[in-house]
Amino acid sequence: MSHSSTDLACRVLSHSYRRSALTALGTTETTMTVRDVSNEVVAREYAAPLPDVPSEDVKRVYLSLLHVHLPMLADANVIDYDPDRGVIEDTDLEAVEPLFSTISETDVPIEPAR
């Protein structure tokens, strides 16, 4: 991994929402909606079924993904995100995979990101 790809991987993986979103996206070969990804992130971040998470927290995660995290992943060319349709059609984890694998093996959330 070159220095620039290491920097990219560190920046992309620096927030737990992005790591959770990439984990969810990496487990499917189909198109996912922003809502689907958001629900997966909520379930991972709170380690609870979606109905058990307060609705204001679900909304906060959704808006954060919509306005910050998914556009950042798209700008880094890690996902193919169409904000007009609200879908993620493809992922390219090649640049972040080595570091992502290491982080995901050791990343145990203690508390949900606030």
N, C-alpha and C. Protein backbone atom coordinates (compact mmCIF):
# COMPACT_ATOMS: atom_id res chain seq x y z
N MET A 1 0.86 -1.17 0.00
CA MET A 1 0.00 0.00 0.00
C MET A 1 0.90 1.22 0.00
N SER A 2 0.70 2.07 -0.96
CA SER A 2 1.52 3.28 -1.04
C SER A 2 1.11 4.28 0.02
N HIS A 3 1.95 5.29 0.19
CA HIS A 3 1.67 6.32 1.19
C HIS A 3 0.34 7.00 0.93
N SER A 4 0.06 7.35 -0.32
CA SER A 4 -1.20 8.05 -0.62
C SER A 4 -2.40 7.14 -0.42
N SER A 5 -2.29 5.85 -0.76
CA SER A 5 -3.42 4.95 -0.54
C SER A 5 -3.60 4.66 0.95
N THR A 6 -2.52 4.68 1.72
CA THR A 6 -2.63 4.53 3.17
C THR A 6 -3.35 5.75 3.75
N ASP A 7 -2.99 6.94 3.29
CA ASP A 7 -3.67 8.15 3.74
C ASP A 7 -5.16 8.10 3.42
N LEU A 8 -5.48 7.68 2.20
CA LEU A 8 -6.88 7.57 1.79
C LEU A 8 -7.61 6.58 2.70
N ALA A 9 -7.02 5.42 2.91
CA ALA A 9 -7.67 4.40 3.74
C ALA A 9 -7.88 4.91 5.16
N CYS A 10 -6.90 5.59 5.70
CA CYS A 10 -7.04 6.13 7.06
C CYS A 10 -8.14 7.18 7.13
N ARG A 11 -8.19 8.05 6.15
CA ARG A 11 -9.22 9.09 6.14
C ARG A 11 -10.61 8.48 5.98
N VAL A 12 -10.75 7.57 5.04
CA VAL A 12 -12.04 6.95 4.77
C VAL A 12 -12.52 6.14 5.97
N LEU A 13 -11.61 5.46 6.63
CA LEU A 13 -12.00 4.56 7.72
C LEU A 13 -11.94 5.22 9.09
N SER A 14 -11.74 6.52 9.15
CA SER A 14 -11.56 7.19 10.44
C SER A 14 -12.85 7.34 11.23
N HIS A 15 -14.00 7.15 10.61
CA HIS A 15 -15.27 7.29 11.33
C HIS A 15 -16.01 5.95 11.34
N SER A 16 -16.57 5.60 12.47
CA SER A 16 -17.25 4.31 12.60
C SER A 16 -18.45 4.18 11.68
N TYR A 17 -19.14 5.27 11.35
CA TYR A 17 -20.27 5.19 10.42
C TYR A 17 -19.80 4.72 9.05
N ARG A 18 -18.66 5.24 8.60
CA ARG A 18 -18.15 4.84 7.29
C ARG A 18 -17.69 3.37 7.32
N ARG A 19 -17.05 2.97 8.42
CA ARG A 19 -16.65 1.56 8.53
C ARG A 19 -17.87 0.65 8.53
N SER A 20 -18.90 1.02 9.27
CA SER A 20 -20.12 0.21 9.32
C SER A 20 -20.82 0.18 7.96
N ALA A 21 -20.86 1.31 7.28
CA ALA A 21 -21.48 1.36 5.96
C ALA A 21 -20.73 0.47 4.98
N LEU A 22 -19.40 0.53 5.00
CA LEU A 22 -18.61 -0.30 4.09
C LEU A 22 -18.76 -1.77 4.42
N THR A 23 -18.88 -2.10 5.70
CA THR A 23 -19.10 -3.49 6.08
C THR A 23 -20.43 -3.97 5.50
N ALA A 24 -21.46 -3.17 5.65
CA ALA A 24 -22.78 -3.53 5.11
C ALA A 24 -22.73 -3.66 3.59
N LEU A 25 -22.10 -2.69 2.94
CA LEU A 25 -22.02 -2.71 1.48
C LEU A 25 -21.16 -3.85 0.97
N GLY A 26 -20.15 -4.22 1.75
CA GLY A 26 -19.27 -5.30 1.33
C GLY A 26 -19.88 -6.68 1.42
N THR A 27 -21.03 -6.79 2.08
CA THR A 27 -21.66 -8.09 2.24
C THR A 27 -22.73 -8.36 1.18
N THR A 28 -22.91 -7.44 0.26
CA THR A 28 -23.93 -7.62 -0.78
C THR A 28 -23.37 -7.24 -2.14
N GLU A 29 -23.91 -7.85 -3.15
CA GLU A 29 -23.52 -7.49 -4.52
C GLU A 29 -24.65 -6.76 -5.22
N THR A 30 -25.65 -6.36 -4.47
CA THR A 30 -26.79 -5.68 -5.05
C THR A 30 -26.76 -4.20 -4.68
N THR A 31 -27.59 -3.44 -5.34
CA THR A 31 -27.75 -2.03 -5.04
C THR A 31 -28.41 -1.90 -3.67
N MET A 32 -27.93 -0.96 -2.87
CA MET A 32 -28.55 -0.68 -1.58
C MET A 32 -29.01 0.77 -1.56
N THR A 33 -30.13 1.01 -0.91
CA THR A 33 -30.59 2.38 -0.74
C THR A 33 -29.89 3.00 0.45
N VAL A 34 -29.93 4.32 0.52
CA VAL A 34 -29.36 5.02 1.67
C VAL A 34 -30.07 4.55 2.94
N ARG A 35 -31.37 4.36 2.87
CA ARG A 35 -32.14 3.90 4.04
C ARG A 35 -31.65 2.52 4.49
N ASP A 36 -31.43 1.60 3.54
CA ASP A 36 -30.94 0.26 3.90
C ASP A 36 -29.58 0.34 4.58
N VAL A 37 -28.68 1.12 3.99
CA VAL A 37 -27.34 1.27 4.58
C VAL A 37 -27.45 1.92 5.96
N SER A 38 -28.28 2.94 6.07
CA SER A 38 -28.47 3.61 7.35
C SER A 38 -28.97 2.63 8.42
N ASN A 39 -29.95 1.80 8.07
CA ASN A 39 -30.47 0.83 9.02
C ASN A 39 -29.40 -0.16 9.46
N GLU A 40 -28.55 -0.57 8.53
CA GLU A 40 -27.44 -1.47 8.87
C GLU A 40 -26.44 -0.77 9.80
N VAL A 41 -26.14 0.48 9.51
CA VAL A 41 -25.20 1.24 10.35
C VAL A 41 -25.78 1.39 11.76
N VAL A 42 -27.04 1.74 11.87
CA VAL A 42 -27.68 1.89 13.18
C VAL A 42 -27.60 0.58 13.95
N ALA A 43 -27.95 -0.52 13.32
CA ALA A 43 -27.92 -1.82 14.00
C ALA A 43 -26.52 -2.16 14.48
N ARG A 44 -25.50 -1.86 13.66
CA ARG A 44 -24.11 -2.15 14.05
C ARG A 44 -23.64 -1.20 15.14
N GLU A 45 -23.92 0.08 14.98
CA GLU A 45 -23.44 1.08 15.94
C GLU A 45 -24.07 0.90 17.33
N TYR A 46 -25.33 0.55 17.36
CA TYR A 46 -26.04 0.43 18.64
C TYR A 46 -26.12 -1.01 19.14
N ALA A 47 -25.64 -1.94 18.33
CA ALA A 47 -25.67 -3.37 18.68
C ALA A 47 -27.06 -3.75 19.20
N ALA A 48 -28.08 -3.30 18.46
CA ALA A 48 -29.46 -3.54 18.85
C ALA A 48 -30.34 -3.60 17.60
N PRO A 49 -31.47 -4.27 17.70
CA PRO A 49 -32.41 -4.25 16.57
C PRO A 49 -32.91 -2.82 16.34
N LEU A 50 -33.18 -2.50 15.11
CA LEU A 50 -33.60 -1.15 14.75
C LEU A 50 -34.76 -0.62 15.60
N PRO A 51 -35.81 -1.43 15.86
CA PRO A 51 -36.92 -0.90 16.66
C PRO A 51 -36.54 -0.50 18.09
N ASP A 52 -35.39 -1.01 18.58
CA ASP A 52 -34.95 -0.69 19.93
C ASP A 52 -34.13 0.59 20.02
N VAL A 53 -33.80 1.18 18.87
CA VAL A 53 -33.00 2.40 18.85
C VAL A 53 -33.94 3.60 18.77
N PRO A 54 -33.73 4.61 19.60
CA PRO A 54 -34.60 5.80 19.55
C PRO A 54 -34.65 6.40 18.15
N SER A 55 -35.85 6.80 17.73
CA SER A 55 -36.06 7.29 16.37
C SER A 55 -35.20 8.51 16.05
N GLU A 56 -34.94 9.37 17.05
CA GLU A 56 -34.10 10.54 16.79
C GLU A 56 -32.66 10.12 16.48
N ASP A 57 -32.19 9.02 17.07
CA ASP A 57 -30.85 8.52 16.76
C ASP A 57 -30.81 7.92 15.36
N VAL A 58 -31.86 7.20 14.98
CA VAL A 58 -31.95 6.64 13.63
C VAL A 58 -31.91 7.77 12.60
N LYS A 59 -32.66 8.82 12.85
CA LYS A 59 -32.70 9.97 11.93
C LYS A 59 -31.35 10.66 11.86
N ARG A 60 -30.68 10.82 13.00
CA ARG A 60 -29.37 11.47 13.04
C ARG A 60 -28.34 10.69 12.21
N VAL A 61 -28.34 9.37 12.35
CA VAL A 61 -27.40 8.54 11.58
C VAL A 61 -27.72 8.67 10.09
N TYR A 62 -28.99 8.58 9.74
CA TYR A 62 -29.40 8.69 8.33
C TYR A 62 -28.93 10.01 7.71
N LEU A 63 -29.20 11.10 8.40
CA LEU A 63 -28.82 12.41 7.87
C LEU A 63 -27.31 12.57 7.78
N SER A 64 -26.60 12.04 8.75
CA SER A 64 -25.14 12.10 8.73
C SER A 64 -24.58 11.32 7.55
N LEU A 65 -25.13 10.14 7.30
CA LEU A 65 -24.69 9.35 6.15
C LEU A 65 -25.03 10.08 4.85
N LEU A 66 -26.23 10.60 4.77
CA LEU A 66 -26.71 11.26 3.56
C LEU A 66 -25.87 12.49 3.20
N HIS A 67 -25.54 13.30 4.19
CA HIS A 67 -24.90 14.58 3.91
C HIS A 67 -23.38 14.59 4.08
N VAL A 68 -22.83 13.63 4.83
CA VAL A 68 -21.40 13.66 5.11
C VAL A 68 -20.69 12.40 4.62
N HIS A 69 -21.07 11.27 5.16
CA HIS A 69 -20.26 10.05 5.00
C HIS A 69 -20.36 9.40 3.63
N LEU A 70 -21.56 9.26 3.08
CA LEU A 70 -21.66 8.67 1.74
C LEU A 70 -21.04 9.57 0.67
N PRO A 71 -21.25 10.89 0.71
CA PRO A 71 -20.55 11.74 -0.27
C PRO A 71 -19.02 11.63 -0.13
N MET A 72 -18.52 11.52 1.10
CA MET A 72 -17.07 11.39 1.27
C MET A 72 -16.57 10.08 0.67
N LEU A 73 -17.29 8.99 0.88
CA LEU A 73 -16.90 7.71 0.29
C LEU A 73 -16.96 7.77 -1.23
N ALA A 74 -17.95 8.48 -1.77
CA ALA A 74 -18.06 8.63 -3.22
C ALA A 74 -16.91 9.49 -3.75
N ASP A 75 -16.59 10.57 -3.07
CA ASP A 75 -15.48 11.44 -3.49
C ASP A 75 -14.15 10.69 -3.49
N ALA A 76 -14.03 9.72 -2.58
CA ALA A 76 -12.80 8.91 -2.49
C ALA A 76 -12.83 7.73 -3.47
N ASN A 77 -13.90 7.65 -4.28
CA ASN A 77 -14.07 6.57 -5.26
C ASN A 77 -14.13 5.19 -4.64
N VAL A 78 -14.64 5.12 -3.43
CA VAL A 78 -14.80 3.83 -2.75
C VAL A 78 -16.18 3.26 -3.03
N ILE A 79 -17.16 4.14 -3.25
CA ILE A 79 -18.51 3.70 -3.62
C ILE A 79 -18.99 4.48 -4.83
N ASP A 80 -19.96 3.91 -5.52
CA ASP A 80 -20.65 4.60 -6.61
C ASP A 80 -22.02 4.98 -6.05
N TYR A 81 -22.15 6.24 -5.67
CA TYR A 81 -23.33 6.74 -4.97
C TYR A 81 -24.08 7.71 -5.85
N ASP A 82 -25.37 7.46 -6.03
CA ASP A 82 -26.22 8.36 -6.80
C ASP A 82 -27.16 9.07 -5.82
N PRO A 83 -26.81 10.29 -5.40
CA PRO A 83 -27.63 10.98 -4.40
C PRO A 83 -29.03 11.32 -4.89
N ASP A 84 -29.21 11.51 -6.20
CA ASP A 84 -30.53 11.82 -6.72
C ASP A 84 -31.50 10.65 -6.56
N ARG A 85 -31.00 9.44 -6.74
CA ARG A 85 -31.83 8.25 -6.58
C ARG A 85 -31.73 7.67 -5.18
N GLY A 86 -30.72 8.11 -4.40
CA GLY A 86 -30.54 7.60 -3.05
C GLY A 86 -30.08 6.16 -3.00
N VAL A 87 -29.19 5.79 -3.93
CA VAL A 87 -28.70 4.40 -3.98
C VAL A 87 -27.19 4.34 -4.10
N ILE A 88 -26.65 3.25 -3.58
CA ILE A 88 -25.24 2.92 -3.72
C ILE A 88 -25.22 1.68 -4.60
N GLU A 89 -24.61 1.81 -5.78
CA GLU A 89 -24.67 0.73 -6.76
C GLU A 89 -23.44 -0.16 -6.78
N ASP A 90 -22.33 0.33 -6.32
CA ASP A 90 -21.11 -0.46 -6.43
C ASP A 90 -20.13 0.01 -5.37
N THR A 91 -19.28 -0.90 -4.94
CA THR A 91 -18.22 -0.54 -4.01
C THR A 91 -16.89 -1.00 -4.59
N ASP A 92 -15.84 -0.25 -4.27
CA ASP A 92 -14.49 -0.61 -4.69
C ASP A 92 -13.60 -0.45 -3.47
N LEU A 93 -13.48 -1.52 -2.72
CA LEU A 93 -12.75 -1.47 -1.45
C LEU A 93 -11.25 -1.74 -1.62
N GLU A 94 -10.79 -1.85 -2.85
CA GLU A 94 -9.39 -2.22 -3.10
C GLU A 94 -8.40 -1.31 -2.38
N ALA A 95 -8.60 -0.01 -2.42
CA ALA A 95 -7.65 0.92 -1.82
C ALA A 95 -7.66 0.87 -0.29
N VAL A 96 -8.79 0.50 0.29
CA VAL A 96 -8.89 0.51 1.75
C VAL A 96 -8.91 -0.89 2.36
N GLU A 97 -8.99 -1.93 1.54
CA GLU A 97 -9.17 -3.29 2.03
C GLU A 97 -8.12 -3.76 3.04
N PRO A 98 -6.81 -3.57 2.79
CA PRO A 98 -5.84 -4.08 3.78
C PRO A 98 -6.03 -3.46 5.17
N LEU A 99 -6.20 -2.16 5.21
CA LEU A 99 -6.39 -1.49 6.50
C LEU A 99 -7.77 -1.81 7.07
N PHE A 100 -8.77 -1.86 6.21
CA PHE A 100 -10.14 -2.17 6.63
C PHE A 100 -10.20 -3.55 7.28
N SER A 101 -9.53 -4.51 6.70
CA SER A 101 -9.52 -5.85 7.28
C SER A 101 -8.91 -5.85 8.67
N THR A 102 -7.83 -5.13 8.84
CA THR A 102 -7.19 -5.04 10.14
C THR A 102 -8.09 -4.36 11.16
N ILE A 103 -8.69 -3.25 10.77
CA ILE A 103 -9.56 -2.51 11.69
C ILE A 103 -10.79 -3.32 12.04
N SER A 104 -11.43 -3.94 11.06
CA SER A 104 -12.68 -4.64 11.33
C SER A 104 -12.47 -5.84 12.23
N GLU A 105 -11.28 -6.42 12.23
CA GLU A 105 -11.00 -7.54 13.13
C GLU A 105 -10.85 -7.09 14.57
N THR A 106 -10.42 -5.85 14.78
CA THR A 106 -10.16 -5.38 16.14
C THR A 106 -11.13 -4.30 16.60
N ASP A 107 -12.00 -3.84 15.73
CA ASP A 107 -12.90 -2.73 16.05
C ASP A 107 -14.13 -3.24 16.79
N VAL A 108 -14.14 -3.04 18.08
CA VAL A 108 -15.29 -3.41 18.91
C VAL A 108 -15.83 -2.13 19.51
N PRO A 109 -16.97 -1.65 19.00
CA PRO A 109 -17.50 -0.39 19.53
C PRO A 109 -17.88 -0.51 21.00
N ILE A 110 -17.42 0.43 21.79
CA ILE A 110 -17.75 0.44 23.21
C ILE A 110 -19.06 1.17 23.39
N GLU A 111 -19.23 2.28 22.72
CA GLU A 111 -20.47 3.05 22.77
C GLU A 111 -20.77 3.56 21.38
N PRO A 112 -22.04 3.80 21.09
CA PRO A 112 -22.38 4.36 19.78
C PRO A 112 -21.73 5.72 19.59
N ALA A 113 -21.35 6.00 18.35
CA ALA A 113 -20.80 7.33 18.04
C ALA A 113 -21.87 8.37 18.28
N ARG A 114 -21.52 9.47 18.86
CA ARG A 114 -22.51 10.53 19.14
C ARG A 114 -22.19 11.76 18.35
